[in-house]
N, C-alpha and C. Protein backbone atom coordinates (compact mmCIF):
# COMPACT_ATOMS: atom_id res chain seq x y z
N MET A 1 53.43 104.34 94.41
CA MET A 1 53.48 104.46 92.96
C MET A 1 53.68 105.92 92.61
N ALA A 2 54.58 106.18 91.74
CA ALA A 2 54.83 107.55 91.31
C ALA A 2 53.64 108.04 90.49
N GLU A 3 53.22 109.26 90.75
CA GLU A 3 52.08 109.84 90.05
C GLU A 3 52.35 109.89 88.54
N ASP A 4 51.32 109.57 87.75
CA ASP A 4 51.37 109.61 86.30
C ASP A 4 52.36 108.64 85.68
N GLU A 5 52.82 107.65 86.42
CA GLU A 5 53.75 106.68 85.87
C GLU A 5 52.98 105.63 85.09
N VAL A 6 53.43 105.36 83.89
CA VAL A 6 52.79 104.36 83.04
C VAL A 6 53.27 102.99 83.48
N PHE A 7 52.35 102.02 83.46
CA PHE A 7 52.72 100.68 83.83
C PHE A 7 52.55 99.75 82.65
N PRO A 8 53.47 98.78 82.48
CA PRO A 8 53.36 97.84 81.35
C PRO A 8 52.27 96.80 81.61
N VAL A 9 51.57 96.42 80.56
CA VAL A 9 50.52 95.41 80.65
C VAL A 9 51.00 94.16 79.94
N ASP A 10 50.88 93.01 80.58
CA ASP A 10 51.23 91.73 79.97
C ASP A 10 49.96 91.15 79.37
N GLU A 11 49.76 91.36 78.07
CA GLU A 11 48.54 90.91 77.41
C GLU A 11 48.61 89.47 76.93
N ASN A 12 49.74 88.78 77.12
CA ASN A 12 49.86 87.39 76.71
C ASN A 12 49.29 86.45 77.75
N ASP A 13 48.94 86.95 78.89
CA ASP A 13 48.40 86.16 79.99
C ASP A 13 46.88 86.17 79.88
N ASP A 14 46.22 85.10 80.39
CA ASP A 14 44.76 85.06 80.40
C ASP A 14 44.20 86.18 81.26
N ASP A 15 44.80 86.41 82.40
CA ASP A 15 44.42 87.51 83.27
C ASP A 15 45.34 88.68 82.93
N VAL A 16 44.77 89.86 82.85
CA VAL A 16 45.61 91.02 82.53
C VAL A 16 46.38 91.40 83.78
N VAL A 17 47.69 91.45 83.65
CA VAL A 17 48.54 91.81 84.78
C VAL A 17 49.37 93.03 84.42
N VAL A 18 49.72 93.78 85.44
CA VAL A 18 50.57 94.95 85.29
C VAL A 18 51.67 94.88 86.33
N THR A 19 52.76 95.53 86.03
CA THR A 19 53.85 95.66 87.00
C THR A 19 53.91 97.11 87.41
N ILE A 20 53.79 97.35 88.71
CA ILE A 20 53.82 98.72 89.20
C ILE A 20 55.11 98.94 90.01
N GLN A 21 55.61 100.14 89.90
CA GLN A 21 56.80 100.58 90.62
C GLN A 21 56.34 101.16 91.94
N MET A 22 56.82 100.63 93.04
CA MET A 22 56.45 101.12 94.35
C MET A 22 57.38 102.28 94.74
N GLU A 23 56.95 103.06 95.73
CA GLU A 23 57.74 104.22 96.17
C GLU A 23 59.12 103.82 96.70
N ASP A 24 59.25 102.60 97.24
CA ASP A 24 60.54 102.15 97.77
C ASP A 24 61.47 101.61 96.68
N GLY A 25 61.03 101.70 95.40
CA GLY A 25 61.86 101.24 94.30
C GLY A 25 61.58 99.82 93.87
N GLY A 26 60.85 99.07 94.68
CA GLY A 26 60.51 97.70 94.32
C GLY A 26 59.41 97.64 93.28
N GLU A 27 59.25 96.47 92.70
CA GLU A 27 58.19 96.26 91.72
C GLU A 27 57.23 95.20 92.24
N VAL A 28 55.96 95.36 91.91
CA VAL A 28 54.94 94.39 92.28
C VAL A 28 54.11 94.09 91.04
N THR A 29 53.97 92.80 90.73
CA THR A 29 53.10 92.39 89.64
C THR A 29 51.71 92.17 90.21
N CYS A 30 50.70 92.74 89.52
CA CYS A 30 49.33 92.68 90.01
C CYS A 30 48.39 92.30 88.88
N GLU A 31 47.34 91.56 89.24
CA GLU A 31 46.25 91.28 88.32
C GLU A 31 45.25 92.43 88.40
N ILE A 32 44.77 92.90 87.26
CA ILE A 32 43.74 93.93 87.26
C ILE A 32 42.41 93.26 87.57
N LEU A 33 41.80 93.64 88.69
CA LEU A 33 40.51 93.07 89.06
C LEU A 33 39.38 93.80 88.36
N THR A 34 39.40 95.12 88.39
CA THR A 34 38.35 95.90 87.77
C THR A 34 38.75 97.36 87.71
N ILE A 35 38.13 98.07 86.80
CA ILE A 35 38.21 99.53 86.74
C ILE A 35 36.78 100.01 86.94
N PHE A 36 36.58 100.95 87.85
CA PHE A 36 35.23 101.36 88.20
C PHE A 36 35.18 102.85 88.47
N ASP A 37 33.97 103.37 88.49
CA ASP A 37 33.73 104.80 88.64
C ASP A 37 33.21 105.13 90.03
N VAL A 38 33.71 106.20 90.61
CA VAL A 38 33.18 106.76 91.85
C VAL A 38 33.14 108.27 91.67
N ARG A 39 31.93 108.82 91.75
CA ARG A 39 31.75 110.28 91.64
C ARG A 39 32.38 110.87 90.38
N GLY A 40 32.25 110.16 89.26
CA GLY A 40 32.73 110.68 87.99
C GLY A 40 34.22 110.52 87.74
N ARG A 41 34.92 109.79 88.58
CA ARG A 41 36.35 109.56 88.41
C ARG A 41 36.59 108.06 88.36
N ASP A 42 37.54 107.62 87.53
CA ASP A 42 37.86 106.19 87.40
C ASP A 42 38.90 105.76 88.42
N TYR A 43 38.71 104.53 88.90
CA TYR A 43 39.65 103.92 89.85
C TYR A 43 39.92 102.49 89.39
N ILE A 44 41.03 101.94 89.84
CA ILE A 44 41.42 100.59 89.46
C ILE A 44 41.73 99.80 90.73
N ALA A 45 41.32 98.52 90.73
CA ALA A 45 41.62 97.62 91.83
C ALA A 45 42.63 96.58 91.32
N LEU A 46 43.75 96.46 92.02
CA LEU A 46 44.83 95.56 91.63
C LEU A 46 45.07 94.53 92.72
N LEU A 47 45.20 93.28 92.32
CA LEU A 47 45.47 92.19 93.25
C LEU A 47 46.93 91.78 93.10
N PRO A 48 47.77 92.04 94.12
CA PRO A 48 49.19 91.68 94.02
C PRO A 48 49.36 90.17 93.92
N GLN A 49 50.39 89.75 93.17
CA GLN A 49 50.67 88.34 92.99
C GLN A 49 52.02 88.00 93.60
N GLN A 50 52.15 86.73 93.98
CA GLN A 50 53.42 86.26 94.49
C GLN A 50 54.37 86.06 93.31
N GLU A 51 55.63 85.81 93.59
CA GLU A 51 56.61 85.64 92.52
C GLU A 51 56.28 84.50 91.59
N ASP A 52 55.56 83.48 92.08
CA ASP A 52 55.22 82.34 91.22
C ASP A 52 53.93 82.58 90.43
N GLY A 53 53.39 83.81 90.50
CA GLY A 53 52.21 84.15 89.73
C GLY A 53 50.89 83.91 90.43
N ARG A 54 50.93 83.28 91.61
CA ARG A 54 49.69 83.06 92.36
C ARG A 54 49.29 84.36 93.06
N ASP A 55 47.97 84.50 93.28
CA ASP A 55 47.48 85.67 94.01
C ASP A 55 48.02 85.66 95.42
N ALA A 56 48.30 86.83 95.96
CA ALA A 56 48.73 86.94 97.35
C ALA A 56 47.61 86.43 98.25
N ASP A 57 47.95 85.73 99.30
CA ASP A 57 46.95 85.10 100.17
C ASP A 57 46.44 85.99 101.29
N ASP A 58 46.98 87.19 101.43
CA ASP A 58 46.63 88.01 102.59
C ASP A 58 45.43 88.93 102.36
N GLY A 59 44.80 88.88 101.19
CA GLY A 59 43.62 89.69 100.93
C GLY A 59 43.91 91.13 100.56
N THR A 60 45.17 91.47 100.33
CA THR A 60 45.53 92.83 99.96
C THR A 60 45.05 93.16 98.56
N VAL A 61 44.45 94.32 98.42
CA VAL A 61 44.07 94.86 97.11
C VAL A 61 44.54 96.31 97.09
N TYR A 62 45.19 96.70 96.01
CA TYR A 62 45.63 98.09 95.85
C TYR A 62 44.57 98.85 95.07
N LEU A 63 44.22 100.03 95.56
CA LEU A 63 43.25 100.91 94.89
C LEU A 63 43.97 102.19 94.50
N TYR A 64 43.83 102.58 93.22
CA TYR A 64 44.45 103.79 92.70
C TYR A 64 43.45 104.55 91.85
N ARG A 65 43.68 105.85 91.68
CA ARG A 65 42.99 106.60 90.64
C ARG A 65 43.54 106.09 89.32
N TYR A 66 42.68 106.03 88.31
CA TYR A 66 43.08 105.51 87.00
C TYR A 66 42.68 106.51 85.94
N GLN A 67 43.56 106.74 85.00
CA GLN A 67 43.23 107.61 83.87
C GLN A 67 44.03 107.20 82.65
N GLU A 68 43.53 107.59 81.49
CA GLU A 68 44.24 107.37 80.24
C GLU A 68 44.38 108.71 79.54
N ASP A 69 45.54 108.91 78.89
CA ASP A 69 45.72 110.16 78.15
C ASP A 69 45.04 110.05 76.78
N GLU A 70 45.20 111.06 75.96
CA GLU A 70 44.54 111.12 74.66
C GLU A 70 44.88 109.93 73.77
N SER A 71 46.07 109.38 73.92
CA SER A 71 46.48 108.24 73.09
C SER A 71 46.12 106.90 73.72
N GLY A 72 45.47 106.92 74.89
CA GLY A 72 45.05 105.68 75.54
C GLY A 72 46.08 105.09 76.48
N THR A 73 47.14 105.82 76.75
CA THR A 73 48.18 105.33 77.67
C THR A 73 47.68 105.48 79.10
N PRO A 74 47.63 104.36 79.85
CA PRO A 74 47.11 104.41 81.21
C PRO A 74 48.13 104.95 82.21
N SER A 75 47.61 105.54 83.28
CA SER A 75 48.46 105.96 84.39
C SER A 75 47.68 105.80 85.69
N LEU A 76 48.42 105.67 86.77
CA LEU A 76 47.84 105.52 88.11
C LEU A 76 48.28 106.69 88.97
N GLU A 77 47.43 107.00 89.94
CA GLU A 77 47.74 108.08 90.87
C GLU A 77 47.29 107.63 92.25
N ASN A 78 48.12 107.89 93.25
CA ASN A 78 47.75 107.54 94.62
C ASN A 78 46.52 108.32 95.07
N ILE A 79 45.72 107.70 95.91
CA ILE A 79 44.59 108.36 96.55
C ILE A 79 45.10 108.84 97.90
N ILE A 80 45.20 110.15 98.09
CA ILE A 80 45.81 110.66 99.32
C ILE A 80 44.79 111.21 100.30
N ASN A 81 43.57 111.42 99.86
CA ASN A 81 42.52 111.96 100.71
C ASN A 81 41.76 110.80 101.36
N ASP A 82 41.65 110.81 102.69
CA ASP A 82 40.98 109.72 103.41
C ASP A 82 39.52 109.57 103.00
N GLU A 83 38.82 110.68 102.85
CA GLU A 83 37.40 110.62 102.48
C GLU A 83 37.23 109.99 101.09
N GLU A 84 38.08 110.39 100.15
CA GLU A 84 38.03 109.81 98.81
C GLU A 84 38.33 108.32 98.87
N TYR A 85 39.37 107.94 99.63
CA TYR A 85 39.74 106.53 99.73
C TYR A 85 38.59 105.70 100.31
N GLU A 86 37.96 106.21 101.33
CA GLU A 86 36.84 105.48 101.95
C GLU A 86 35.69 105.29 100.97
N ALA A 87 35.40 106.30 100.14
CA ALA A 87 34.33 106.18 99.14
C ALA A 87 34.70 105.14 98.09
N VAL A 88 35.97 105.12 97.68
CA VAL A 88 36.44 104.15 96.68
C VAL A 88 36.40 102.74 97.27
N GLU A 89 36.86 102.60 98.49
CA GLU A 89 36.86 101.31 99.16
C GLU A 89 35.44 100.79 99.33
N GLU A 90 34.52 101.65 99.70
CA GLU A 90 33.12 101.26 99.87
C GLU A 90 32.52 100.79 98.55
N ARG A 91 32.80 101.51 97.46
CA ARG A 91 32.27 101.10 96.15
C ARG A 91 32.88 99.78 95.71
N PHE A 92 34.17 99.58 95.95
CA PHE A 92 34.81 98.30 95.60
C PHE A 92 34.18 97.17 96.39
N ASP A 93 33.93 97.37 97.67
CA ASP A 93 33.26 96.34 98.49
C ASP A 93 31.88 96.02 97.94
N GLU A 94 31.14 97.05 97.48
CA GLU A 94 29.83 96.82 96.86
C GLU A 94 29.97 95.96 95.61
N LEU A 95 30.99 96.23 94.81
CA LEU A 95 31.22 95.44 93.60
C LEU A 95 31.52 93.99 93.94
N LEU A 96 32.30 93.78 95.00
CA LEU A 96 32.59 92.41 95.44
C LEU A 96 31.32 91.70 95.89
N ASP A 97 30.46 92.41 96.64
CA ASP A 97 29.21 91.82 97.09
C ASP A 97 28.31 91.49 95.91
N GLU A 98 28.24 92.37 94.92
CA GLU A 98 27.44 92.12 93.73
C GLU A 98 27.95 90.89 92.97
N ALA A 99 29.26 90.76 92.86
CA ALA A 99 29.86 89.62 92.15
C ALA A 99 29.55 88.33 92.90
N ALA A 100 29.63 88.36 94.22
CA ALA A 100 29.34 87.16 95.02
C ALA A 100 27.87 86.79 94.89
N PHE A 101 26.99 87.77 94.85
CA PHE A 101 25.56 87.52 94.68
C PHE A 101 25.28 86.92 93.31
N ASP A 102 25.93 87.46 92.28
CA ASP A 102 25.74 86.94 90.91
C ASP A 102 26.21 85.49 90.80
N GLU A 103 27.27 85.13 91.52
CA GLU A 103 27.76 83.75 91.50
C GLU A 103 26.78 82.78 92.14
N MET A 104 25.95 83.27 93.08
CA MET A 104 24.99 82.40 93.75
C MET A 104 23.81 82.08 92.85
N ASP A 105 23.52 82.94 91.87
CA ASP A 105 22.38 82.71 90.96
C ASP A 105 22.63 81.59 90.01
């Protein structure tokens, strides 16, 4: 994903989806799973979808830095530092565990 590139949001869908431009020029439509904080910075978890709109079956989730400018326009930025990525991945896994625990109640 190109740094600071704005992505369109399809708000007519029950699940909020975005289309992101990949570095190879392709596009991927993703469902926004969550936006969360790690060490004072926002991150977003995106679940890629197949062409028919179903979630990808391989368990892939894209994690990006997330920010909005003064007017509220969102942008994504790649996480290039391994230590930062591991912290973000760990927090996302914790969120998944918390959600699974809440579903059991």
